[in-house]
Amino acid sequence: MKKRTGFIGLLIGFWGLAALVMFHLAVSQGYICLEGRDFSRHAAEIHIGMSKLEVQALFGESPAYTCHYSESEIWYYPAPGRLTQDIAATTPAQGTLYQDRADLPDPYAHVQLAFDSNGILIAHTFIGESYTTKWRGGSVKGSHFKHLPDGAL
């Protein structure tokens, strides 16, 4: 009986160690992103009426990409993690003026924010992670500014 108990203990210890090593590898390779919890919490704290400085303070850095549509300045913050698309690889240069909302970049796992000419947040969404886009007039279904009504930005 002692041999069996010792063997089972050894087997449990081995599998526990293997699980710990696999978890470490998953985190180090970006398959599990522990920073994502903070990012999601910050994204949930965004609300209409915030200033650019408040948004930058919330995320702790400048946006990864900025562009313009109509009178609005559009910012993008990428979520940490392996599935987040690289916005710079698929978009025109920083500061581009887009003529159509539907042409605005649509990178998965990015927070998309629109500021008016006074630097006040007027719309936001979390592309691919949110079911709605919020704006100063309410909210619409869909996680991109192309779903907003005309004149919203």
C-alpha atoms as a PDB file:
ATOM      1  CA  MET A   1       0.000   0.000   0.000  1.00  0.00           C
ATOM      2  CA  LYS A   2       2.875   2.348   0.770  1.00  0.00           C
ATOM      3  CA  LYS A   3       4.361   1.851  -2.694  1.00  0.00           C
ATOM      4  CA  ARG A   4       1.076   2.771  -4.369  1.00  0.00           C
ATOM      5  CA  THR A   5       0.629   5.915  -2.200  1.00  0.00           C
ATOM      6  CA  GLY A   6       4.184   7.016  -2.922  1.00  0.00           C
ATOM      7  CA  PHE A   7       3.713   6.454  -6.643  1.00  0.00           C
ATOM      8  CA  ILE A   8       0.432   8.438  -6.685  1.00  0.00           C
ATOM      9  CA  GLY A   9       2.094  11.289  -4.780  1.00  0.00           C
ATOM     10  CA  LEU A  10       4.968  11.311  -7.243  1.00  0.00           C
ATOM     11  CA  LEU A  11       2.538  11.299 -10.172  1.00  0.00           C
ATOM     12  CA  ILE A  12       0.531  14.216  -8.720  1.00  0.00           C
ATOM     13  CA  GLY A  13       3.739  16.156  -8.111  1.00  0.00           C
ATOM     14  CA  PHE A  14       4.908  15.543 -11.670  1.00  0.00           C
ATOM     15  CA  TRP A  15       1.624  16.718 -13.214  1.00  0.00           C
ATOM     16  CA  GLY A  16       1.545  19.760 -10.918  1.00  0.00           C
ATOM     17  CA  LEU A  17       5.048  20.736 -12.005  1.00  0.00           C
ATOM     18  CA  ALA A  18       4.179  20.137 -15.667  1.00  0.00           C
ATOM     19  CA  ALA A  19       1.094  22.381 -15.328  1.00  0.00           C
ATOM     20  CA  LEU A  20       3.199  25.121 -13.744  1.00  0.00           C
ATOM     21  CA  VAL A  21       5.762  24.944 -16.570  1.00  0.00           C
ATOM     22  CA  MET A  22       3.002  25.014 -19.216  1.00  0.00           C
ATOM     23  CA  PHE A  23       1.379  28.048 -17.563  1.00  0.00           C
ATOM     24  CA  HIS A  24       4.726  29.866 -17.500  1.00  0.00           C
ATOM     25  CA  LEU A  25       5.293  29.096 -21.192  1.00  0.00           C
ATOM     26  CA  ALA A  26       1.780  30.244 -22.110  1.00  0.00           C
ATOM     27  CA  VAL A  27       2.286  33.572 -20.310  1.00  0.00           C
ATOM     28  CA  SER A  28       5.806  34.131 -21.688  1.00  0.00           C
ATOM     29  CA  GLN A  29       4.655  33.452 -25.278  1.00  0.00           C
ATOM     30  CA  GLY A  30       1.640  35.777 -24.984  1.00  0.00           C
ATOM     31  CA  TYR A  31      -1.078  33.124 -25.102  1.00  0.00           C
ATOM     32  CA  ILE A  32      -2.197  34.218 -21.638  1.00  0.00           C
ATOM     33  CA  CYS A  33      -1.982  37.951 -21.023  1.00  0.00           C
ATOM     34  CA  LEU A  34      -2.102  38.949 -17.367  1.00  0.00           C
ATOM     35  CA  GLU A  35      -2.003  42.679 -18.208  1.00  0.00           C
ATOM     36  CA  GLY A  36      -5.322  42.312 -20.047  1.00  0.00           C
ATOM     37  CA  ARG A  37      -7.264  42.547 -16.796  1.00  0.00           C
ATOM     38  CA  ASP A  38      -5.977  46.072 -16.139  1.00  0.00           C
ATOM     39  CA  PHE A  39      -6.576  47.121 -19.732  1.00  0.00           C
ATOM     40  CA  SER A  40     -10.168  45.848 -19.668  1.00  0.00           C
ATOM     41  CA  ARG A  41     -10.774  47.670 -16.391  1.00  0.00           C
ATOM     42  CA  HIS A  42      -9.423  50.903 -17.896  1.00  0.00           C
ATOM     43  CA  ALA A  43     -11.550  50.446 -21.015  1.00  0.00           C
ATOM     44  CA  ALA A  44     -14.629  49.996 -18.813  1.00  0.00           C
ATOM     45  CA  GLU A  45     -13.871  53.261 -16.967  1.00  0.00           C
ATOM     46  CA  ILE A  46     -14.012  55.369 -20.139  1.00  0.00           C
ATOM     47  CA  HIS A  47     -17.027  57.668 -20.321  1.00  0.00           C
ATOM     48  CA  ILE A  48     -18.327  60.437 -22.547  1.00  0.00           C
ATOM     49  CA  GLY A  49     -17.084  63.854 -21.464  1.00  0.00           C
ATOM     50  CA  MET A  50     -13.553  62.838 -20.456  1.00  0.00           C
ATOM     51  CA  SER A  51     -10.671  65.015 -21.627  1.00  0.00           C
ATOM     52  CA  LYS A  52      -7.722  63.758 -23.673  1.00  0.00           C
ATOM     53  CA  LEU A  53      -5.494  64.137 -20.616  1.00  0.00           C
ATOM     54  CA  GLU A  54      -7.859  62.016 -18.490  1.00  0.00           C
ATOM     55  CA  VAL A  55      -7.876  59.257 -21.114  1.00  0.00           C
ATOM     56  CA  GLN A  56      -4.073  59.302 -21.409  1.00  0.00           C
ATOM     57  CA  ALA A  57      -3.765  59.150 -17.618  1.00  0.00           C
ATOM     58  CA  LEU A  58      -6.160  56.205 -17.520  1.00  0.00           C
ATOM     59  CA  PHE A  59      -4.136  54.172 -20.026  1.00  0.00           C
ATOM     60  CA  GLY A  60      -0.779  55.541 -18.854  1.00  0.00           C
ATOM     61  CA  GLU A  61       0.491  56.304 -22.355  1.00  0.00           C
ATOM     62  CA  SER A  62      -0.204  58.078 -25.611  1.00  0.00           C
ATOM     63  CA  PRO A  63      -2.439  56.333 -28.169  1.00  0.00           C
ATOM     64  CA  ALA A  64      -0.836  53.884 -30.590  1.00  0.00           C
ATOM     65  CA  TYR A  65      -2.509  55.557 -33.573  1.00  0.00           C
ATOM     66  CA  THR A  66      -4.321  58.827 -34.207  1.00  0.00           C
ATOM     67  CA  CYS A  67      -6.268  60.066 -37.208  1.00  0.00           C
ATOM     68  CA  HIS A  68      -9.069  62.486 -38.054  1.00  0.00           C
ATOM     69  CA  TYR A  69     -12.594  62.297 -39.378  1.00  0.00           C
ATOM     70  CA  SER A  70     -14.600  65.469 -39.955  1.00  0.00           C
ATOM     71  CA  GLU A  71     -13.950  67.675 -36.907  1.00  0.00           C
ATOM     72  CA  SER A  72     -13.038  64.728 -34.655  1.00  0.00           C
ATOM     73  CA  GLU A  73      -9.675  63.364 -33.615  1.00  0.00           C
ATOM     74  CA  ILE A  74      -9.726  59.559 -33.407  1.00  0.00           C
ATOM     75  CA  TRP A  75      -7.433  57.627 -31.056  1.00  0.00           C
ATOM     76  CA  TYR A  76      -6.672  53.903 -30.845  1.00  0.00           C
ATOM     77  CA  TYR A  77      -5.289  51.968 -27.874  1.00  0.00           C
ATOM     78  CA  PRO A  78      -4.393  48.289 -28.474  1.00  0.00           C
ATOM     79  CA  ALA A  79      -5.253  45.705 -25.855  1.00  0.00           C
ATOM     80  CA  PRO A  80      -2.281  43.619 -24.733  1.00  0.00           C
ATOM     81  CA  GLY A  81      -2.192  40.092 -26.101  1.00  0.00           C
ATOM     82  CA  ARG A  82      -1.377  37.873 -29.004  1.00  0.00           C
ATOM     83  CA  LEU A  83      -4.698  38.343 -30.856  1.00  0.00           C
ATOM     84  CA  THR A  84      -4.433  42.137 -31.069  1.00  0.00           C
ATOM     85  CA  GLN A  85      -3.864  43.284 -34.635  1.00  0.00           C
ATOM     86  CA  ASP A  86      -0.959  45.606 -35.446  1.00  0.00           C
ATOM     87  CA  ILE A  87      -2.673  48.824 -36.488  1.00  0.00           C
ATOM     88  CA  ALA A  88       0.448  50.409 -37.973  1.00  0.00           C
ATOM     89  CA  ALA A  89       0.885  47.579 -40.465  1.00  0.00           C
ATOM     90  CA  THR A  90      -2.539  48.047 -42.048  1.00  0.00           C
ATOM     91  CA  THR A  91      -3.274  51.789 -41.936  1.00  0.00           C
ATOM     92  CA  PRO A  92      -2.183  55.050 -43.538  1.00  0.00           C
ATOM     93  CA  ALA A  93       0.203  57.371 -41.702  1.00  0.00           C
ATOM     94  CA  GLN A  94      -0.548  58.917 -38.314  1.00  0.00           C
ATOM     95  CA  GLY A  95      -2.838  61.933 -38.559  1.00  0.00           C
ATOM     96  CA  THR A  96      -4.585  60.875 -41.778  1.00  0.00           C
ATOM     97  CA  LEU A  97      -7.878  62.667 -42.473  1.00  0.00           C
ATOM     98  CA  TYR A  98     -10.532  60.116 -43.424  1.00  0.00           C
ATOM     99  CA  GLN A  99     -13.447  61.209 -45.605  1.00  0.00           C
ATOM    100  CA  ASP A 100     -15.758  58.311 -44.712  1.00  0.00           C
ATOM    101  CA  ARG A 101     -16.397  56.775 -41.260  1.00  0.00           C
ATOM    102  CA  ALA A 102     -16.473  53.319 -42.822  1.00  0.00           C
ATOM    103  CA  ASP A 103     -12.834  53.796 -43.900  1.00  0.00           C
ATOM    104  CA  LEU A 104     -11.582  54.382 -40.340  1.00  0.00           C
ATOM    105  CA  PRO A 105      -9.212  51.621 -39.187  1.00  0.00           C
ATOM    106  CA  ASP A 106     -10.968  48.590 -37.709  1.00  0.00           C
ATOM    107  CA  PRO A 107      -8.208  46.656 -35.886  1.00  0.00           C
ATOM    108  CA  TYR A 108      -9.382  43.875 -33.592  1.00  0.00           C
ATOM    109  CA  ALA A 109      -8.935  44.445 -29.841  1.00  0.00           C
ATOM    110  CA  HIS A 110      -8.384  48.210 -29.936  1.00  0.00           C
ATOM    111  CA  VAL A 111     -10.251  50.861 -27.983  1.00  0.00           C
ATOM    112  CA  GLN A 112     -11.459  53.474 -30.472  1.00  0.00           C
ATOM    113  CA  LEU A 113     -12.073  56.990 -29.107  1.00  0.00           C
ATOM    114  CA  ALA A 114     -13.322  60.197 -30.741  1.00  0.00           C
ATOM    115  CA  PHE A 115     -12.658  63.677 -29.353  1.00  0.00           C
ATOM    116  CA  ASP A 116     -14.291  66.898 -30.459  1.00  0.00           C
ATOM    117  CA  SER A 117     -12.333  70.064 -31.334  1.00  0.00           C
ATOM    118  CA  ASN A 118     -12.223  70.973 -27.609  1.00  0.00           C
ATOM    119  CA  GLY A 119     -10.535  67.678 -26.691  1.00  0.00           C
ATOM    120  CA  ILE A 120     -13.635  66.172 -25.054  1.00  0.00           C
ATOM    121  CA  LEU A 121     -14.526  62.511 -25.590  1.00  0.00           C
ATOM    122  CA  ILE A 122     -17.688  62.238 -27.698  1.00  0.00           C
ATOM    123  CA  ALA A 123     -17.675  58.529 -28.690  1.00  0.00           C
ATOM    124  CA  HIS A 124     -15.912  55.283 -27.781  1.00  0.00           C
ATOM    125  CA  THR A 125     -15.967  51.530 -28.331  1.00  0.00           C
ATOM    126  CA  PHE A 126     -13.756  48.451 -27.900  1.00  0.00           C
ATOM    127  CA  ILE A 127     -13.458  46.999 -31.418  1.00  0.00           C
ATOM    128  CA  GLY A 128     -14.282  43.303 -31.473  1.00  0.00           C
ATOM    129  CA  GLU A 129     -14.793  43.152 -27.691  1.00  0.00           C
ATOM    130  CA  SER A 130     -17.867  45.348 -27.244  1.00  0.00           C
ATOM    131  CA  TYR A 131     -21.405  44.979 -28.517  1.00  0.00           C
ATOM    132  CA  THR A 132     -22.075  48.717 -28.619  1.00  0.00           C
ATOM    133  CA  THR A 133     -20.542  52.032 -29.538  1.00  0.00           C
ATOM    134  CA  LYS A 134     -21.336  54.786 -27.063  1.00  0.00           C
ATOM    135  CA  TRP A 135     -21.588  58.408 -28.134  1.00  0.00           C
ATOM    136  CA  ARG A 136     -22.915  61.658 -26.678  1.00  0.00           C
ATOM    137  CA  GLY A 137     -26.355  60.885 -28.135  1.00  0.00           C
ATOM    138  CA  GLY A 138     -26.662  57.385 -26.642  1.00  0.00           C
ATOM    139  CA  SER A 139     -25.392  54.089 -28.014  1.00  0.00           C
ATOM    140  CA  VAL A 140     -25.700  51.966 -31.141  1.00  0.00           C
ATOM    141  CA  LYS A 141     -25.165  48.270 -31.864  1.00  0.00           C
ATOM    142  CA  GLY A 142     -21.750  47.398 -33.241  1.00  0.00           C
ATOM    143  CA  SER A 143     -18.161  47.998 -32.184  1.00  0.00           C
ATOM    144  CA  HIS A 144     -16.959  50.583 -34.708  1.00  0.00           C
ATOM    145  CA  PHE A 145     -17.688  54.236 -35.431  1.00  0.00           C
ATOM    146  CA  LYS A 146     -19.102  53.303 -38.851  1.00  0.00           C
ATOM    147  CA  HIS A 147     -22.267  52.251 -36.966  1.00  0.00           C
ATOM    148  CA  LEU A 148     -22.863  55.757 -35.600  1.00  0.00           C
ATOM    149  CA  PRO A 149     -25.515  57.969 -37.180  1.00  0.00           C
ATOM    150  CA  ASP A 150     -24.479  60.746 -39.530  1.00  0.00           C
ATOM    151  CA  GLY A 151     -23.328  63.842 -37.671  1.00  0.00           C
ATOM    152  CA  ALA A 152     -22.362  61.917 -34.509  1.00  0.00           C
ATOM    153  CA  LEU A 153     -18.665  62.710 -34.978  1.00  0.00           C
END
